[in-house]
Amino acid sequence: MKNNELVHLLEYASPFSILIVDANNTLLELRCPFNVIGINDHNLILQNEVYVVERIRISKELSVVYEIEQRLFHYYHFDILN
């Protein structure tokens, strides 16, 4: 993706919320801060440890990234608790 395309996409994204589908197949907007739990040990992430997501980012590869304690982590290392 080109930088100008990414900038255009980010115009519609909020760094303080994310859309999720819950267990009832309902689309919900989850606002920061929200809690996640580590799925497995990976670098600074500990399995079963609870973390607070402060912001949502999008990588150049269009992957969702969580900002936790001023560090960036890919979403797939966590499960959402809320």
PDB file of N, CA and C in Angstrom:
ATOM      1  N   MET A   1       0.836  -1.170   0.000  1.00  0.00           N
ATOM      2  CA  MET A   1       0.000   0.000   0.000  1.00  0.00           C
ATOM      3  C   MET A   1       0.885   1.239   0.000  1.00  0.00           C
ATOM      4  N   LYS A   2       0.527   2.173  -0.821  1.00  0.00           N
ATOM      5  CA  LYS A   2       1.286   3.419  -0.905  1.00  0.00           C
ATOM      6  C   LYS A   2       0.952   4.303   0.288  1.00  0.00           C
ATOM      7  N   ASN A   3       1.892   5.190   0.629  1.00  0.00           N
ATOM      8  CA  ASN A   3       1.706   6.069   1.783  1.00  0.00           C
ATOM      9  C   ASN A   3       0.456   6.929   1.675  1.00  0.00           C
ATOM     10  N   ASN A   4       0.165   7.465   0.483  1.00  0.00           N
ATOM     11  CA  ASN A   4      -1.014   8.313   0.336  1.00  0.00           C
ATOM     12  C   ASN A   4      -2.307   7.505   0.506  1.00  0.00           C
ATOM     13  N   GLU A   5      -2.304   6.233   0.122  1.00  0.00           N
ATOM     14  CA  GLU A   5      -3.467   5.379   0.341  1.00  0.00           C
ATOM     15  C   GLU A   5      -3.662   5.108   1.832  1.00  0.00           C
ATOM     16  N   LEU A   6      -2.569   4.904   2.544  1.00  0.00           N
ATOM     17  CA  LEU A   6      -2.639   4.685   3.983  1.00  0.00           C
ATOM     18  C   LEU A   6      -3.155   5.929   4.694  1.00  0.00           C
ATOM     19  N   VAL A   7      -2.692   7.093   4.299  1.00  0.00           N
ATOM     20  CA  VAL A   7      -3.162   8.344   4.890  1.00  0.00           C
ATOM     21  C   VAL A   7      -4.662   8.494   4.664  1.00  0.00           C
ATOM     22  N   HIS A   8      -5.141   8.166   3.478  1.00  0.00           N
ATOM     23  CA  HIS A   8      -6.572   8.253   3.178  1.00  0.00           C
ATOM     24  C   HIS A   8      -7.368   7.286   4.056  1.00  0.00           C
ATOM     25  N   LEU A   9      -6.885   6.076   4.232  1.00  0.00           N
ATOM     26  CA  LEU A   9      -7.557   5.091   5.080  1.00  0.00           C
ATOM     27  C   LEU A   9      -7.616   5.558   6.530  1.00  0.00           C
ATOM     28  N   LEU A  10      -6.543   6.123   7.021  1.00  0.00           N
ATOM     29  CA  LEU A  10      -6.475   6.566   8.411  1.00  0.00           C
ATOM     30  C   LEU A  10      -7.402   7.740   8.712  1.00  0.00           C
ATOM     31  N   GLU A  11      -7.857   8.439   7.662  1.00  0.00           N
ATOM     32  CA  GLU A  11      -8.827   9.509   7.870  1.00  0.00           C
ATOM     33  C   GLU A  11     -10.120   8.968   8.470  1.00  0.00           C
ATOM     34  N   TYR A  12     -10.417   7.705   8.216  1.00  0.00           N
ATOM     35  CA  TYR A  12     -11.659   7.095   8.676  1.00  0.00           C
ATOM     36  C   TYR A  12     -11.473   6.218   9.911  1.00  0.00           C
ATOM     37  N   ALA A  13     -10.270   6.089  10.383  1.00  0.00           N
ATOM     38  CA  ALA A  13      -9.978   5.235  11.540  1.00  0.00           C
ATOM     39  C   ALA A  13      -9.763   6.091  12.782  1.00  0.00           C
ATOM     40  N   SER A  14     -10.224   5.574  13.915  1.00  0.00           N
ATOM     41  CA  SER A  14     -10.006   6.266  15.180  1.00  0.00           C
ATOM     42  C   SER A  14      -8.923   5.540  15.965  1.00  0.00           C
ATOM     43  N   PRO A  15      -8.004   6.263  16.559  1.00  0.00           N
ATOM     44  CA  PRO A  15      -6.988   5.604  17.394  1.00  0.00           C
ATOM     45  C   PRO A  15      -7.522   5.220  18.769  1.00  0.00           C
ATOM     46  N   PHE A  16      -8.796   5.535  19.034  1.00  0.00           N
ATOM     47  CA  PHE A  16      -9.351   5.289  20.363  1.00  0.00           C
ATOM     48  C   PHE A  16     -10.543   4.337  20.370  1.00  0.00           C
ATOM     49  N   SER A  17     -10.780   3.638  19.267  1.00  0.00           N
ATOM     50  CA  SER A  17     -11.844   2.641  19.257  1.00  0.00           C
ATOM     51  C   SER A  17     -11.585   1.617  18.163  1.00  0.00           C
ATOM     52  N   ILE A  18     -12.239   0.472  18.319  1.00  0.00           N
ATOM     53  CA  ILE A  18     -12.117  -0.607  17.352  1.00  0.00           C
ATOM     54  C   ILE A  18     -13.481  -1.275  17.230  1.00  0.00           C
ATOM     55  N   LEU A  19     -13.814  -1.735  16.027  1.00  0.00           N
ATOM     56  CA  LEU A  19     -15.057  -2.463  15.817  1.00  0.00           C
ATOM     57  C   LEU A  19     -14.789  -3.952  15.994  1.00  0.00           C
ATOM     58  N   ILE A  20     -15.657  -4.612  16.776  1.00  0.00           N
ATOM     59  CA  ILE A  20     -15.513  -6.054  16.990  1.00  0.00           C
ATOM     60  C   ILE A  20     -16.867  -6.718  16.781  1.00  0.00           C
ATOM     61  N   VAL A  21     -16.842  -8.013  16.531  1.00  0.00           N
ATOM     62  CA  VAL A  21     -18.056  -8.818  16.456  1.00  0.00           C
ATOM     63  C   VAL A  21     -18.072  -9.688  17.698  1.00  0.00           C
ATOM     64  N   ASP A  22     -19.150  -9.577  18.506  1.00  0.00           N
ATOM     65  CA  ASP A  22     -19.214 -10.338  19.752  1.00  0.00           C
ATOM     66  C   ASP A  22     -19.728 -11.759  19.504  1.00  0.00           C
ATOM     67  N   ALA A  23     -19.893 -12.522  20.574  1.00  0.00           N
ATOM     68  CA  ALA A  23     -20.315 -13.923  20.474  1.00  0.00           C
ATOM     69  C   ALA A  23     -21.711 -14.075  19.878  1.00  0.00           C
ATOM     70  N   ASN A  24     -22.526 -13.015  19.924  1.00  0.00           N
ATOM     71  CA  ASN A  24     -23.882 -13.041  19.364  1.00  0.00           C
ATOM     72  C   ASN A  24     -23.935 -12.508  17.937  1.00  0.00           C
ATOM     73  N   ASN A  25     -22.770 -12.352  17.316  1.00  0.00           N
ATOM     74  CA  ASN A  25     -22.661 -11.832  15.949  1.00  0.00           C
ATOM     75  C   ASN A  25     -23.143 -10.391  15.832  1.00  0.00           C
ATOM     76  N   THR A  26     -22.963  -9.619  16.896  1.00  0.00           N
ATOM     77  CA  THR A  26     -23.341  -8.212  16.913  1.00  0.00           C
ATOM     78  C   THR A  26     -22.086  -7.362  16.766  1.00  0.00           C
ATOM     79  N   LEU A  27     -22.177  -6.369  15.906  1.00  0.00           N
ATOM     80  CA  LEU A  27     -21.055  -5.452  15.710  1.00  0.00           C
ATOM     81  C   LEU A  27     -21.061  -4.410  16.825  1.00  0.00           C
ATOM     82  N   LEU A  28     -19.937  -4.292  17.528  1.00  0.00           N
ATOM     83  CA  LEU A  28     -19.810  -3.365  18.650  1.00  0.00           C
ATOM     84  C   LEU A  28     -18.586  -2.485  18.460  1.00  0.00           C
ATOM     85  N   GLU A  29     -18.682  -1.256  18.950  1.00  0.00           N
ATOM     86  CA  GLU A  29     -17.523  -0.376  18.991  1.00  0.00           C
ATOM     87  C   GLU A  29     -16.943  -0.442  20.396  1.00  0.00           C
ATOM     88  N   LEU A  30     -15.708  -0.880  20.495  1.00  0.00           N
ATOM     89  CA  LEU A  30     -15.013  -0.978  21.775  1.00  0.00           C
ATOM     90  C   LEU A  30     -14.073   0.210  21.881  1.00  0.00           C
ATOM     91  N   ARG A  31     -14.256   1.004  22.932  1.00  0.00           N
ATOM     92  CA  ARG A  31     -13.462   2.231  23.105  1.00  0.00           C
ATOM     93  C   ARG A  31     -12.299   2.003  24.067  1.00  0.00           C
ATOM     94  N   CYS A  32     -11.199   2.680  23.784  1.00  0.00           N
ATOM     95  CA  CYS A  32     -10.027   2.636  24.653  1.00  0.00           C
ATOM     96  C   CYS A  32     -10.290   3.455  25.898  1.00  0.00           C
ATOM     97  N   PRO A  33      -9.752   3.064  27.019  1.00  0.00           N
ATOM     98  CA  PRO A  33      -8.936   1.866  27.218  1.00  0.00           C
ATOM     99  C   PRO A  33      -9.814   0.630  27.384  1.00  0.00           C
ATOM    100  N   PHE A  34      -9.304  -0.521  26.942  1.00  0.00           N
ATOM    101  CA  PHE A  34      -9.974  -1.798  27.161  1.00  0.00           C
ATOM    102  C   PHE A  34      -8.933  -2.848  27.491  1.00  0.00           C
ATOM    103  N   ASN A  35      -9.396  -3.922  28.110  1.00  0.00           N
ATOM    104  CA  ASN A  35      -8.484  -4.963  28.598  1.00  0.00           C
ATOM    105  C   ASN A  35      -8.349  -6.103  27.600  1.00  0.00           C
ATOM    106  N   VAL A  36      -7.127  -6.600  27.492  1.00  0.00           N
ATOM    107  CA  VAL A  36      -6.824  -7.789  26.691  1.00  0.00           C
ATOM    108  C   VAL A  36      -5.981  -8.733  27.542  1.00  0.00           C
ATOM    109  N   ILE A  37      -5.916  -9.974  27.126  1.00  0.00           N
ATOM    110  CA  ILE A  37      -5.101 -10.959  27.833  1.00  0.00           C
ATOM    111  C   ILE A  37      -4.142 -11.596  26.845  1.00  0.00           C
ATOM    112  N   GLY A  38      -2.907 -11.810  27.279  1.00  0.00           N
ATOM    113  CA  GLY A  38      -1.904 -12.431  26.413  1.00  0.00           C
ATOM    114  C   GLY A  38      -2.267 -13.882  26.109  1.00  0.00           C
ATOM    115  N   ILE A  39      -2.203 -14.266  24.849  1.00  0.00           N
ATOM    116  CA  ILE A  39      -2.536 -15.635  24.435  1.00  0.00           C
ATOM    117  C   ILE A  39      -1.384 -16.585  24.739  1.00  0.00           C
ATOM    118  N   ASN A  40      -0.169 -16.128  24.474  1.00  0.00           N
ATOM    119  CA  ASN A  40       1.015 -16.943  24.765  1.00  0.00           C
ATOM    120  C   ASN A  40       2.202 -16.026  25.040  1.00  0.00           C
ATOM    121  N   ASP A  41       3.258 -16.574  25.565  1.00  0.00           N
ATOM    122  CA  ASP A  41       4.465 -15.782  25.825  1.00  0.00           C
ATOM    123  C   ASP A  41       5.101 -15.383  24.499  1.00  0.00           C
ATOM    124  N   HIS A  42       5.345 -14.092  24.342  1.00  0.00           N
ATOM    125  CA  HIS A  42       5.973 -13.591  23.124  1.00  0.00           C
ATOM    126  C   HIS A  42       6.660 -12.272  23.457  1.00  0.00           C
ATOM    127  N   ASN A  43       7.967 -12.248  23.373  1.00  0.00           N
ATOM    128  CA  ASN A  43       8.759 -11.059  23.731  1.00  0.00           C
ATOM    129  C   ASN A  43       8.335 -10.534  25.098  1.00  0.00           C
ATOM    130  N   LEU A  44       7.720  -9.367  25.148  1.00  0.00           N
ATOM    131  CA  LEU A  44       7.332  -8.750  26.424  1.00  0.00           C
ATOM    132  C   LEU A  44       5.928  -9.144  26.871  1.00  0.00           C
ATOM    133  N   ILE A  45       5.249  -9.966  26.098  1.00  0.00           N
ATOM    134  CA  ILE A  45       3.879 -10.382  26.408  1.00  0.00           C
ATOM    135  C   ILE A  45       3.913 -11.708  27.158  1.00  0.00           C
ATOM    136  N   LEU A  46       3.181 -11.767  28.266  1.00  0.00           N
ATOM    137  CA  LEU A  46       3.108 -12.991  29.053  1.00  0.00           C
ATOM    138  C   LEU A  46       1.727 -13.627  28.901  1.00  0.00           C
ATOM    139  N   GLN A  47       1.713 -14.944  28.740  1.00  0.00           N
ATOM    140  CA  GLN A  47       0.454 -15.673  28.632  1.00  0.00           C
ATOM    141  C   GLN A  47      -0.375 -15.456  29.893  1.00  0.00           C
ATOM    142  N   ASN A  48      -1.678 -15.254  29.711  1.00  0.00           N
ATOM    143  CA  ASN A  48      -2.656 -15.054  30.789  1.00  0.00           C
ATOM    144  C   ASN A  48      -2.464 -13.768  31.585  1.00  0.00           C
ATOM    145  N   GLU A  49      -1.589 -12.893  31.151  1.00  0.00           N
ATOM    146  CA  GLU A  49      -1.408 -11.588  31.796  1.00  0.00           C
ATOM    147  C   GLU A  49      -2.393 -10.597  31.166  1.00  0.00           C
ATOM    148  N   VAL A  50      -3.007  -9.760  31.990  1.00  0.00           N
ATOM    149  CA  VAL A  50      -3.965  -8.770  31.502  1.00  0.00           C
ATOM    150  C   VAL A  50      -3.235  -7.461  31.207  1.00  0.00           C
ATOM    151  N   TYR A  51      -3.564  -6.869  30.064  1.00  0.00           N
ATOM    152  CA  TYR A  51      -2.967  -5.613  29.631  1.00  0.00           C
ATOM    153  C   TYR A  51      -4.073  -4.623  29.270  1.00  0.00           C
ATOM    154  N   VAL A  52      -3.745  -3.343  29.310  1.00  0.00           N
ATOM    155  CA  VAL A  52      -4.703  -2.295  28.966  1.00  0.00           C
ATOM    156  C   VAL A  52      -4.277  -1.667  27.642  1.00  0.00           C
ATOM    157  N   VAL A  53      -5.169  -1.703  26.660  1.00  0.00           N
ATOM    158  CA  VAL A  53      -4.912  -1.087  25.360  1.00  0.00           C
ATOM    159  C   VAL A  53      -5.253   0.390  25.463  1.00  0.00           C
ATOM    160  N   GLU A  54      -4.260   1.221  25.199  1.00  0.00           N
ATOM    161  CA  GLU A  54      -4.423   2.671  25.315  1.00  0.00           C
ATOM    162  C   GLU A  54      -4.830   3.323  23.997  1.00  0.00           C
ATOM    163  N   ARG A  55      -4.356   2.758  22.899  1.00  0.00           N
ATOM    164  CA  ARG A  55      -4.651   3.291  21.558  1.00  0.00           C
ATOM    165  C   ARG A  55      -4.624   2.156  20.552  1.00  0.00           C
ATOM    166  N   ILE A  56      -5.259   2.405  19.417  1.00  0.00           N
ATOM    167  CA  ILE A  56      -5.259   1.472  18.291  1.00  0.00           C
ATOM    168  C   ILE A  56      -4.465   2.118  17.158  1.00  0.00           C
ATOM    169  N   ARG A  57      -3.597   1.355  16.570  1.00  0.00           N
ATOM    170  CA  ARG A  57      -2.816   1.836  15.414  1.00  0.00           C
ATOM    171  C   ARG A  57      -3.026   0.867  14.254  1.00  0.00           C
ATOM    172  N   ILE A  58      -2.628   1.288  13.072  1.00  0.00           N
ATOM    173  CA  ILE A  58      -2.654   0.431  11.897  1.00  0.00           C
ATOM    174  C   ILE A  58      -1.261   0.454  11.296  1.00  0.00           C
ATOM    175  N   SER A  59      -0.705  -0.744  11.061  1.00  0.00           N
ATOM    176  CA  SER A  59       0.637  -0.818  10.479  1.00  0.00           C
ATOM    177  C   SER A  59       0.568  -0.558   8.979  1.00  0.00           C
ATOM    178  N   LYS A  60       1.720  -0.383   8.362  1.00  0.00           N
ATOM    179  CA  LYS A  60       1.775  -0.196   6.905  1.00  0.00           C
ATOM    180  C   LYS A  60       1.241  -1.414   6.163  1.00  0.00           C
ATOM    181  N   GLU A  61       1.283  -2.568   6.819  1.00  0.00           N
ATOM    182  CA  GLU A  61       0.764  -3.807   6.223  1.00  0.00           C
ATOM    183  C   GLU A  61      -0.727  -3.962   6.491  1.00  0.00           C
ATOM    184  N   LEU A  62      -1.348  -2.920   7.057  1.00  0.00           N
ATOM    185  CA  LEU A  62      -2.777  -2.873   7.391  1.00  0.00           C
ATOM    186  C   LEU A  62      -3.169  -3.850   8.486  1.00  0.00           C
ATOM    187  N   SER A  63      -2.274  -4.119   9.392  1.00  0.00           N
ATOM    188  CA  SER A  63      -2.554  -4.963  10.543  1.00  0.00           C
ATOM    189  C   SER A  63      -2.861  -4.072  11.743  1.00  0.00           C
ATOM    190  N   VAL A  64      -3.818  -4.496  12.564  1.00  0.00           N
ATOM    191  CA  VAL A  64      -4.164  -3.743  13.773  1.00  0.00           C
ATOM    192  C   VAL A  64      -3.062  -3.938  14.807  1.00  0.00           C
ATOM    193  N   VAL A  65      -2.654  -2.836  15.408  1.00  0.00           N
ATOM    194  CA  VAL A  65      -1.600  -2.837  16.413  1.00  0.00           C
ATOM    195  C   VAL A  65      -2.132  -2.135  17.652  1.00  0.00           C
ATOM    196  N   TYR A  66      -1.926  -2.751  18.812  1.00  0.00           N
ATOM    197  CA  TYR A  66      -2.338  -2.158  20.080  1.00  0.00           C
ATOM    198  C   TYR A  66      -1.170  -1.401  20.701  1.00  0.00           C
ATOM    199  N   GLU A  67      -1.451  -0.226  21.249  1.00  0.00           N
ATOM    200  CA  GLU A  67      -0.464   0.491  22.034  1.00  0.00           C
ATOM    201  C   GLU A  67      -0.737   0.179  23.501  1.00  0.00           C
ATOM    202  N   ILE A  68       0.234  -0.461  24.145  1.00  0.00           N
ATOM    203  CA  ILE A  68       0.131  -0.867  25.547  1.00  0.00           C
ATOM    204  C   ILE A  68       1.391  -0.378  26.249  1.00  0.00           C
ATOM    205  N   GLU A  69       1.214   0.437  27.267  1.00  0.00           N
ATOM    206  CA  GLU A  69       2.345   0.997  28.011  1.00  0.00           C
ATOM    207  C   GLU A  69       3.377   1.622  27.067  1.00  0.00           C
ATOM    208  N   GLN A  70       2.902   2.356  26.078  1.00  0.00           N
ATOM    209  CA  GLN A  70       3.717   3.074  25.097  1.00  0.00           C
ATOM    210  C   GLN A  70       4.552   2.155  24.215  1.00  0.00           C
ATOM    211  N   ARG A  71       4.152   0.883  24.124  1.00  0.00           N
ATOM    212  CA  ARG A  71       4.793  -0.077  23.213  1.00  0.00           C
ATOM    213  C   ARG A  71       3.734  -0.597  22.248  1.00  0.00           C
ATOM    214  N   LEU A  72       4.168  -1.012  21.069  1.00  0.00           N
ATOM    215  CA  LEU A  72       3.241  -1.484  20.044  1.00  0.00           C
ATOM    216  C   LEU A  72       3.315  -2.996  19.898  1.00  0.00           C
ATOM    217  N   PHE A  73       2.115  -3.632  19.842  1.00  0.00           N
ATOM    218  CA  PHE A  73       2.006  -5.084  19.714  1.00  0.00           C
ATOM    219  C   PHE A  73       0.890  -5.414  18.727  1.00  0.00           C
ATOM    220  N   HIS A  74       1.108  -6.431  17.901  1.00  0.00           N
ATOM    221  CA  HIS A  74       0.063  -6.878  16.983  1.00  0.00           C
ATOM    222  C   HIS A  74      -1.091  -7.489  17.766  1.00  0.00           C
ATOM    223  N   TYR A  75      -2.297  -7.256  17.274  1.00  0.00           N
ATOM    224  CA  TYR A  75      -3.523  -7.681  17.948  1.00  0.00           C
ATOM    225  C   TYR A  75      -3.594  -9.185  18.178  1.00  0.00           C
ATOM    226  N   TYR A  76      -2.993  -9.970  17.300  1.00  0.00           N
ATOM    227  CA  TYR A  76      -3.176 -11.419  17.338  1.00  0.00           C
ATOM    228  C   TYR A  76      -2.426 -12.105  18.485  1.00  0.00           C
ATOM    229  N   HIS A  77      -1.730 -11.335  19.290  1.00  0.00           N
ATOM    230  CA  HIS A  77      -1.092 -11.890  20.486  1.00  0.00           C
ATOM    231  C   HIS A  77      -2.016 -11.842  21.698  1.00  0.00           C
ATOM    232  N   PHE A  78      -3.258 -11.326  21.498  1.00  0.00           N
ATOM    233  CA  PHE A  78      -4.160 -11.082  22.626  1.00  0.00           C
ATOM    234  C   PHE A  78      -5.580 -11.530  22.313  1.00  0.00           C
ATOM    235  N   ASP A  79      -6.331 -11.768  23.382  1.00  0.00           N
ATOM    236  CA  ASP A  79      -7.794 -11.900  23.316  1.00  0.00           C
ATOM    237  C   ASP A  79      -8.382 -10.715  24.056  1.00  0.00           C
ATOM    238  N   ILE A  80      -9.481 -10.188  23.539  1.00  0.00           N
ATOM    239  CA  ILE A  80     -10.157  -9.067  24.183  1.00  0.00           C
ATOM    240  C   ILE A  80     -10.994  -9.588  25.348  1.00  0.00           C
ATOM    241  N   LEU A  81     -10.925  -8.921  26.490  1.00  0.00           N
ATOM    242  CA  LEU A  81     -11.670  -9.345  27.675  1.00  0.00           C
ATOM    243  C   LEU A  81     -13.008  -8.645  27.819  1.00  0.00           C
ATOM    244  N   ASN A  82     -13.168  -7.451  27.298  1.00  0.00           N
ATOM    245  CA  ASN A  82     -14.404  -6.685  27.513  1.00  0.00           C
ATOM    246  C   ASN A  82     -15.517  -7.193  26.640  1.00  0.00           C
TER     247      ASN A  82
END
